[in-house]
Amino acid sequence: MILNVNSLPLIDILNPKFMKNFIYSNENLINLIYLKLPEETFKTCKNDTDCKYFNINQECLLCKEDLFLDDKLCLKKCPNGKFISKNNKCDKCNKKCRLCKGINNGDCDDCNFPYVFYDGNCLDHCPENTFKIQISNQLICKSILRI
């Protein structure tokens, strides 16, 4: 559905239930909100910060290019346990993942203890015809070789 967001009232733009039906970029949405809110509520950051926009409490809402927002801070990379989401924010991995590229269990790159890593997933136990082995600090499942 094509949406002319300029014609929407601010209350609709800030309503996730309403906006979930539309495709938009986070930066375009932030820019639109910026235009609709009173100037004292939402300001452009000074050039000496990594933040592009912040709210009245000086909390960052959107980082400059090539930086990622994590707990109101702009970082060059997301910390362990978080991944870069589509809106350039650091979102939490699945609770089983120590490192990940997305929110689902199948997006894991490494697991939190005591989970074992197998085919991108963090599992409670190794699947049939595999065994658990520790390599460095990671528990992984290896296939049993049949002769």
N, C-alpha and C. Protein backbone atom coordinates (compact mmCIF):
# COMPACT_ATOMS: atom_id res chain seq x y z
N MET A 1 0.84 -1.17 0.00
CA MET A 1 0.00 0.00 0.00
C MET A 1 0.90 1.24 0.00
N ILE A 2 0.60 2.19 -0.85
CA ILE A 2 1.36 3.44 -0.90
C ILE A 2 0.73 4.40 0.09
N LEU A 3 1.58 5.01 0.87
CA LEU A 3 1.13 5.88 1.94
C LEU A 3 1.69 7.27 1.74
N ASN A 4 0.84 8.26 1.75
CA ASN A 4 1.29 9.65 1.74
C ASN A 4 1.36 10.08 3.20
N VAL A 5 2.54 9.85 3.80
CA VAL A 5 2.70 10.12 5.22
C VAL A 5 2.59 11.60 5.57
N ASN A 6 2.83 12.47 4.61
CA ASN A 6 2.73 13.90 4.89
C ASN A 6 1.31 14.31 5.26
N SER A 7 0.34 13.53 4.82
CA SER A 7 -1.06 13.88 5.11
C SER A 7 -1.55 13.28 6.42
N LEU A 8 -0.75 12.46 7.08
CA LEU A 8 -1.18 11.81 8.32
C LEU A 8 -1.00 12.70 9.53
N PRO A 9 -1.91 12.61 10.49
CA PRO A 9 -1.67 13.29 11.75
C PRO A 9 -0.56 12.58 12.53
N LEU A 10 0.13 13.30 13.37
CA LEU A 10 1.24 12.75 14.13
C LEU A 10 0.81 11.54 14.95
N ILE A 11 -0.39 11.52 15.49
CA ILE A 11 -0.85 10.41 16.32
C ILE A 11 -0.84 9.10 15.54
N ASP A 12 -1.17 9.12 14.24
CA ASP A 12 -1.12 7.91 13.42
C ASP A 12 0.32 7.48 13.15
N ILE A 13 1.20 8.43 12.92
CA ILE A 13 2.60 8.11 12.63
C ILE A 13 3.27 7.46 13.83
N LEU A 14 2.91 7.86 15.02
CA LEU A 14 3.51 7.31 16.23
C LEU A 14 2.83 6.02 16.69
N ASN A 15 1.78 5.59 16.02
CA ASN A 15 1.03 4.40 16.40
C ASN A 15 1.58 3.19 15.63
N PRO A 16 2.31 2.27 16.31
CA PRO A 16 2.90 1.13 15.60
C PRO A 16 1.85 0.22 14.97
N LYS A 17 0.67 0.10 15.59
CA LYS A 17 -0.38 -0.76 15.02
C LYS A 17 -0.85 -0.22 13.68
N PHE A 18 -0.90 1.09 13.55
CA PHE A 18 -1.30 1.72 12.29
C PHE A 18 -0.18 1.61 11.25
N MET A 19 1.05 1.90 11.65
CA MET A 19 2.17 1.99 10.72
C MET A 19 2.68 0.62 10.27
N LYS A 20 2.34 -0.47 10.96
CA LYS A 20 2.87 -1.79 10.59
C LYS A 20 2.38 -2.23 9.21
N ASN A 21 1.32 -1.62 8.71
CA ASN A 21 0.78 -1.98 7.41
C ASN A 21 1.53 -1.32 6.25
N PHE A 22 2.51 -0.49 6.55
CA PHE A 22 3.18 0.27 5.51
C PHE A 22 4.69 0.03 5.54
N ILE A 23 5.31 0.20 4.40
CA ILE A 23 6.77 0.09 4.30
C ILE A 23 7.34 1.50 4.27
N TYR A 24 8.28 1.75 5.15
CA TYR A 24 8.91 3.06 5.20
C TYR A 24 10.29 2.90 5.82
N SER A 25 11.18 3.82 5.55
CA SER A 25 12.49 3.75 6.19
C SER A 25 12.41 4.49 7.52
N ASN A 26 13.17 4.02 8.47
CA ASN A 26 13.16 4.63 9.79
C ASN A 26 13.60 6.08 9.73
N GLU A 27 14.61 6.39 8.90
CA GLU A 27 15.08 7.76 8.81
C GLU A 27 14.01 8.67 8.23
N ASN A 28 13.28 8.19 7.21
CA ASN A 28 12.20 9.00 6.65
C ASN A 28 11.12 9.25 7.68
N LEU A 29 10.82 8.24 8.48
CA LEU A 29 9.81 8.39 9.52
C LEU A 29 10.29 9.39 10.57
N ILE A 30 11.55 9.27 10.99
CA ILE A 30 12.11 10.21 11.97
C ILE A 30 12.06 11.63 11.41
N ASN A 31 12.43 11.79 10.14
CA ASN A 31 12.38 13.13 9.53
C ASN A 31 10.96 13.66 9.49
N LEU A 32 10.00 12.80 9.20
CA LEU A 32 8.61 13.22 9.17
C LEU A 32 8.13 13.64 10.56
N ILE A 33 8.46 12.84 11.56
CA ILE A 33 8.08 13.18 12.93
C ILE A 33 8.72 14.51 13.33
N TYR A 34 9.98 14.68 12.92
CA TYR A 34 10.70 15.92 13.21
C TYR A 34 9.94 17.13 12.67
N LEU A 35 9.39 16.99 11.48
CA LEU A 35 8.65 18.11 10.88
C LEU A 35 7.32 18.37 11.59
N LYS A 36 6.73 17.35 12.21
CA LYS A 36 5.41 17.50 12.80
C LYS A 36 5.45 17.86 14.30
N LEU A 37 6.56 17.62 14.95
CA LEU A 37 6.66 17.93 16.38
C LEU A 37 7.11 19.36 16.59
N PRO A 38 6.74 19.95 17.73
CA PRO A 38 7.25 21.30 18.03
C PRO A 38 8.77 21.30 18.09
N GLU A 39 9.37 22.37 17.66
CA GLU A 39 10.83 22.45 17.57
C GLU A 39 11.52 22.16 18.90
N GLU A 40 10.93 22.57 20.00
CA GLU A 40 11.59 22.37 21.29
C GLU A 40 11.57 20.91 21.74
N THR A 41 10.80 20.05 21.07
CA THR A 41 10.70 18.64 21.45
C THR A 41 11.77 17.79 20.79
N PHE A 42 12.19 18.14 19.60
CA PHE A 42 13.01 17.27 18.77
C PHE A 42 14.00 18.14 18.01
N LYS A 43 15.28 17.99 18.26
CA LYS A 43 16.26 18.90 17.68
C LYS A 43 17.34 18.14 16.92
N THR A 44 17.97 18.82 15.99
CA THR A 44 19.12 18.27 15.29
C THR A 44 20.34 18.41 16.19
N CYS A 45 21.14 17.36 16.23
CA CYS A 45 22.32 17.39 17.10
C CYS A 45 23.38 18.35 16.57
N LYS A 46 24.24 18.75 17.46
CA LYS A 46 25.38 19.59 17.07
C LYS A 46 26.36 18.74 16.27
N ASN A 47 27.20 19.37 15.49
CA ASN A 47 28.14 18.66 14.63
C ASN A 47 29.20 17.87 15.40
N ASP A 48 29.40 18.17 16.67
CA ASP A 48 30.46 17.51 17.43
C ASP A 48 29.99 16.21 18.07
N THR A 49 28.80 15.72 17.76
CA THR A 49 28.31 14.46 18.32
C THR A 49 28.09 13.44 17.21
N ASP A 50 27.92 12.18 17.61
CA ASP A 50 27.64 11.11 16.66
C ASP A 50 26.14 10.96 16.42
N CYS A 51 25.36 11.69 17.17
CA CYS A 51 23.91 11.60 17.09
C CYS A 51 23.38 12.55 16.01
N LYS A 52 22.39 12.07 15.23
CA LYS A 52 21.79 12.92 14.20
C LYS A 52 20.60 13.69 14.77
N TYR A 53 19.73 13.02 15.54
CA TYR A 53 18.60 13.67 16.18
C TYR A 53 18.52 13.23 17.64
N PHE A 54 18.11 14.14 18.50
CA PHE A 54 17.90 13.78 19.90
C PHE A 54 16.62 14.43 20.39
N ASN A 55 16.11 13.92 21.52
CA ASN A 55 14.87 14.49 22.07
C ASN A 55 15.20 15.59 23.06
N ILE A 56 14.17 16.12 23.69
CA ILE A 56 14.35 17.25 24.61
C ILE A 56 15.22 16.90 25.81
N ASN A 57 15.31 15.61 26.16
CA ASN A 57 16.15 15.15 27.27
C ASN A 57 17.58 14.86 26.84
N GLN A 58 17.94 15.27 25.63
CA GLN A 58 19.28 15.05 25.07
C GLN A 58 19.58 13.56 24.88
N GLU A 59 18.55 12.72 24.69
CA GLU A 59 18.72 11.30 24.42
C GLU A 59 18.69 11.09 22.92
N CYS A 60 19.68 10.38 22.41
CA CYS A 60 19.78 10.19 20.96
C CYS A 60 18.64 9.30 20.46
N LEU A 61 18.07 9.69 19.31
CA LEU A 61 17.00 8.93 18.67
C LEU A 61 17.45 8.33 17.35
N LEU A 62 18.43 8.95 16.69
CA LEU A 62 18.93 8.46 15.41
C LEU A 62 20.39 8.88 15.28
N CYS A 63 21.26 7.91 14.92
CA CYS A 63 22.69 8.18 14.80
C CYS A 63 23.04 8.61 13.39
N LYS A 64 24.21 9.22 13.27
CA LYS A 64 24.73 9.57 11.96
C LYS A 64 25.09 8.30 11.20
N GLU A 65 25.32 8.44 9.89
CA GLU A 65 25.61 7.31 9.02
C GLU A 65 26.78 6.47 9.53
N ASP A 66 26.68 5.15 9.36
CA ASP A 66 27.70 4.17 9.76
C ASP A 66 27.83 3.99 11.26
N LEU A 67 26.88 4.52 12.04
CA LEU A 67 26.86 4.30 13.48
C LEU A 67 25.52 3.66 13.85
N PHE A 68 25.50 2.97 15.00
CA PHE A 68 24.34 2.19 15.40
C PHE A 68 23.88 2.60 16.79
N LEU A 69 22.59 2.77 16.95
CA LEU A 69 22.01 3.23 18.21
C LEU A 69 21.84 2.07 19.17
N ASP A 70 22.42 2.19 20.36
CA ASP A 70 22.30 1.18 21.41
C ASP A 70 22.11 1.90 22.74
N ASP A 71 20.94 1.74 23.33
CA ASP A 71 20.63 2.39 24.61
C ASP A 71 20.97 3.88 24.59
N LYS A 72 20.53 4.57 23.55
CA LYS A 72 20.66 6.01 23.38
C LYS A 72 22.09 6.47 23.11
N LEU A 73 22.99 5.52 22.79
CA LEU A 73 24.37 5.85 22.43
C LEU A 73 24.63 5.43 21.00
N CYS A 74 25.49 6.14 20.30
CA CYS A 74 25.88 5.79 18.94
C CYS A 74 27.21 5.05 18.98
N LEU A 75 27.20 3.83 18.43
CA LEU A 75 28.38 2.97 18.47
C LEU A 75 28.81 2.58 17.06
N LYS A 76 30.11 2.24 16.91
CA LYS A 76 30.61 1.78 15.62
C LYS A 76 30.20 0.35 15.33
N LYS A 77 29.92 -0.45 16.37
CA LYS A 77 29.41 -1.80 16.20
C LYS A 77 28.57 -2.16 17.42
N CYS A 78 27.69 -3.10 17.23
CA CYS A 78 26.83 -3.52 18.34
C CYS A 78 27.61 -4.43 19.27
N PRO A 79 27.33 -4.38 20.58
CA PRO A 79 28.02 -5.24 21.53
C PRO A 79 27.57 -6.70 21.40
N ASN A 80 28.34 -7.62 22.00
CA ASN A 80 27.95 -9.03 22.01
C ASN A 80 26.54 -9.15 22.57
N GLY A 81 25.78 -10.07 21.99
CA GLY A 81 24.41 -10.28 22.44
C GLY A 81 23.41 -9.41 21.72
N LYS A 82 23.89 -8.58 20.77
CA LYS A 82 23.00 -7.71 20.00
C LYS A 82 23.40 -7.75 18.53
N PHE A 83 22.46 -7.41 17.65
CA PHE A 83 22.70 -7.40 16.22
C PHE A 83 22.18 -6.09 15.64
N ILE A 84 22.63 -5.75 14.45
CA ILE A 84 22.19 -4.53 13.77
C ILE A 84 20.86 -4.81 13.09
N SER A 85 19.82 -4.14 13.53
CA SER A 85 18.50 -4.32 12.93
C SER A 85 18.38 -3.43 11.70
N LYS A 86 17.26 -3.56 10.99
CA LYS A 86 17.05 -2.80 9.75
C LYS A 86 17.06 -1.29 9.99
N ASN A 87 16.73 -0.85 11.19
CA ASN A 87 16.68 0.59 11.46
C ASN A 87 17.96 1.12 12.10
N ASN A 88 19.07 0.39 11.90
CA ASN A 88 20.39 0.77 12.42
C ASN A 88 20.42 0.92 13.94
N LYS A 89 19.63 0.09 14.60
CA LYS A 89 19.66 0.00 16.06
C LYS A 89 20.25 -1.35 16.44
N CYS A 90 20.82 -1.42 17.63
CA CYS A 90 21.31 -2.68 18.17
C CYS A 90 20.18 -3.34 18.94
N ASP A 91 19.67 -4.44 18.40
CA ASP A 91 18.59 -5.18 19.05
C ASP A 91 19.15 -6.44 19.68
N LYS A 92 18.49 -6.92 20.72
CA LYS A 92 18.95 -8.11 21.45
C LYS A 92 18.79 -9.36 20.61
N CYS A 93 19.80 -10.23 20.72
CA CYS A 93 19.75 -11.56 20.10
C CYS A 93 18.76 -12.42 20.88
N ASN A 94 18.42 -13.54 20.29
CA ASN A 94 17.68 -14.58 21.00
C ASN A 94 18.44 -14.90 22.28
N LYS A 95 17.74 -15.21 23.36
CA LYS A 95 18.41 -15.41 24.66
C LYS A 95 19.44 -16.54 24.65
N LYS A 96 19.35 -17.46 23.70
CA LYS A 96 20.31 -18.55 23.63
C LYS A 96 21.61 -18.13 22.92
N CYS A 97 21.55 -17.06 22.12
CA CYS A 97 22.70 -16.64 21.31
C CYS A 97 23.62 -15.69 22.08
N ARG A 98 24.93 -15.91 21.93
CA ARG A 98 25.91 -14.96 22.44
C ARG A 98 26.25 -13.95 21.35
N LEU A 99 26.34 -14.42 20.10
CA LEU A 99 26.55 -13.59 18.92
C LEU A 99 25.49 -13.98 17.90
N CYS A 100 24.98 -13.00 17.15
CA CYS A 100 23.94 -13.32 16.18
C CYS A 100 23.89 -12.30 15.06
N LYS A 101 23.12 -12.64 14.02
CA LYS A 101 22.88 -11.72 12.91
C LYS A 101 21.39 -11.39 12.79
N GLY A 102 20.58 -11.86 13.73
CA GLY A 102 19.14 -11.62 13.74
C GLY A 102 18.52 -12.10 15.03
N ILE A 103 17.21 -11.93 15.16
CA ILE A 103 16.53 -12.22 16.42
C ILE A 103 16.16 -13.70 16.60
N ASN A 104 16.09 -14.46 15.52
CA ASN A 104 15.67 -15.86 15.61
C ASN A 104 16.80 -16.76 16.07
N ASN A 105 16.44 -17.91 16.68
CA ASN A 105 17.44 -18.86 17.13
C ASN A 105 18.33 -19.32 15.97
N GLY A 106 17.79 -19.43 14.76
CA GLY A 106 18.56 -19.84 13.60
C GLY A 106 19.54 -18.79 13.10
N ASP A 107 19.55 -17.62 13.71
CA ASP A 107 20.46 -16.53 13.32
C ASP A 107 21.71 -16.46 14.20
N CYS A 108 21.92 -17.46 15.04
CA CYS A 108 23.05 -17.44 15.99
C CYS A 108 24.37 -17.71 15.28
N ASP A 109 25.43 -17.05 15.76
CA ASP A 109 26.80 -17.32 15.32
C ASP A 109 27.60 -17.97 16.45
N ASP A 110 27.12 -17.85 17.67
CA ASP A 110 27.75 -18.45 18.85
C ASP A 110 26.68 -18.50 19.94
N CYS A 111 26.83 -19.41 20.88
CA CYS A 111 25.79 -19.63 21.90
C CYS A 111 26.25 -19.26 23.30
N ASN A 112 25.29 -18.88 24.11
CA ASN A 112 25.52 -18.72 25.54
C ASN A 112 25.61 -20.11 26.17
N PHE A 113 26.40 -20.24 27.24
CA PHE A 113 26.49 -21.50 27.96
C PHE A 113 25.15 -21.76 28.65
N PRO A 114 24.60 -22.92 28.67
CA PRO A 114 25.12 -24.24 28.31
C PRO A 114 24.65 -24.73 26.95
N TYR A 115 24.16 -23.84 26.08
CA TYR A 115 23.62 -24.26 24.79
C TYR A 115 24.74 -24.68 23.84
N VAL A 116 24.41 -25.59 22.93
CA VAL A 116 25.38 -26.09 21.95
C VAL A 116 25.03 -25.55 20.57
N PHE A 117 26.05 -25.21 19.81
CA PHE A 117 25.87 -24.62 18.48
C PHE A 117 25.82 -25.72 17.44
N TYR A 118 24.78 -25.67 16.59
CA TYR A 118 24.65 -26.63 15.50
C TYR A 118 23.86 -25.99 14.37
N ASP A 119 24.47 -25.85 13.22
CA ASP A 119 23.80 -25.36 12.01
C ASP A 119 23.10 -24.02 12.24
N GLY A 120 23.77 -23.09 12.88
CA GLY A 120 23.21 -21.75 13.11
C GLY A 120 22.23 -21.66 14.26
N ASN A 121 21.99 -22.77 14.95
CA ASN A 121 21.05 -22.78 16.07
C ASN A 121 21.76 -23.07 17.38
N CYS A 122 21.21 -22.58 18.45
CA CYS A 122 21.68 -22.91 19.79
C CYS A 122 20.66 -23.87 20.40
N LEU A 123 21.13 -25.07 20.70
CA LEU A 123 20.25 -26.15 21.14
C LEU A 123 20.56 -26.56 22.57
N ASP A 124 19.55 -27.18 23.21
CA ASP A 124 19.76 -27.73 24.56
C ASP A 124 20.67 -28.95 24.51
N HIS A 125 20.51 -29.78 23.45
CA HIS A 125 21.27 -31.02 23.29
C HIS A 125 21.63 -31.18 21.82
N CYS A 126 22.68 -31.93 21.56
CA CYS A 126 23.05 -32.21 20.18
C CYS A 126 22.02 -33.15 19.55
N PRO A 127 21.76 -32.98 18.25
CA PRO A 127 20.82 -33.86 17.57
C PRO A 127 21.39 -35.28 17.43
N GLU A 128 20.53 -36.19 17.01
CA GLU A 128 20.92 -37.58 16.80
C GLU A 128 22.07 -37.65 15.79
N ASN A 129 22.97 -38.59 16.00
CA ASN A 129 24.16 -38.82 15.15
C ASN A 129 25.17 -37.69 15.23
N THR A 130 25.13 -36.92 16.31
CA THR A 130 26.15 -35.90 16.57
C THR A 130 26.59 -36.03 18.04
N PHE A 131 27.73 -35.42 18.37
CA PHE A 131 28.20 -35.39 19.74
C PHE A 131 28.70 -34.00 20.08
N LYS A 132 28.72 -33.68 21.38
CA LYS A 132 29.12 -32.36 21.86
C LYS A 132 30.63 -32.32 22.05
N ILE A 133 31.24 -31.23 21.60
CA ILE A 133 32.67 -31.00 21.79
C ILE A 133 32.88 -29.52 22.09
N GLN A 134 33.88 -29.21 22.90
CA GLN A 134 34.19 -27.82 23.21
C GLN A 134 35.41 -27.39 22.42
N ILE A 135 35.27 -26.32 21.65
CA ILE A 135 36.38 -25.72 20.90
C ILE A 135 36.50 -24.29 21.39
N SER A 136 37.64 -23.95 21.96
CA SER A 136 37.84 -22.66 22.65
C SER A 136 36.75 -22.56 23.72
N ASN A 137 35.94 -21.51 23.67
CA ASN A 137 34.87 -21.35 24.66
C ASN A 137 33.50 -21.70 24.10
N GLN A 138 33.46 -22.39 22.97
CA GLN A 138 32.19 -22.69 22.32
C GLN A 138 31.91 -24.19 22.36
N LEU A 139 30.67 -24.54 22.73
CA LEU A 139 30.21 -25.92 22.65
C LEU A 139 29.54 -26.11 21.30
N ILE A 140 30.00 -27.12 20.55
CA ILE A 140 29.41 -27.35 19.23
C ILE A 140 29.06 -28.84 19.09
N CYS A 141 28.21 -29.13 18.13
CA CYS A 141 27.84 -30.51 17.81
C CYS A 141 28.57 -30.92 16.54
N LYS A 142 29.24 -32.06 16.61
CA LYS A 142 29.96 -32.61 15.45
C LYS A 142 29.28 -33.91 15.03
N SER A 143 29.28 -34.17 13.74
CA SER A 143 28.70 -35.41 13.21
C SER A 143 29.56 -36.61 13.58
N ILE A 144 28.90 -37.72 13.86
CA ILE A 144 29.59 -38.98 14.12
C ILE A 144 29.93 -39.58 12.77
N LEU A 145 31.21 -39.93 12.57
CA LEU A 145 31.64 -40.54 11.31
C LEU A 145 31.31 -42.02 11.33
N ARG A 146 30.67 -42.48 10.30
CA ARG A 146 30.32 -43.90 10.16
C ARG A 146 31.31 -44.54 9.17
N ILE A 147 31.86 -45.68 9.56
CA ILE A 147 32.81 -46.40 8.68
C ILE A 147 32.16 -47.64 8.13
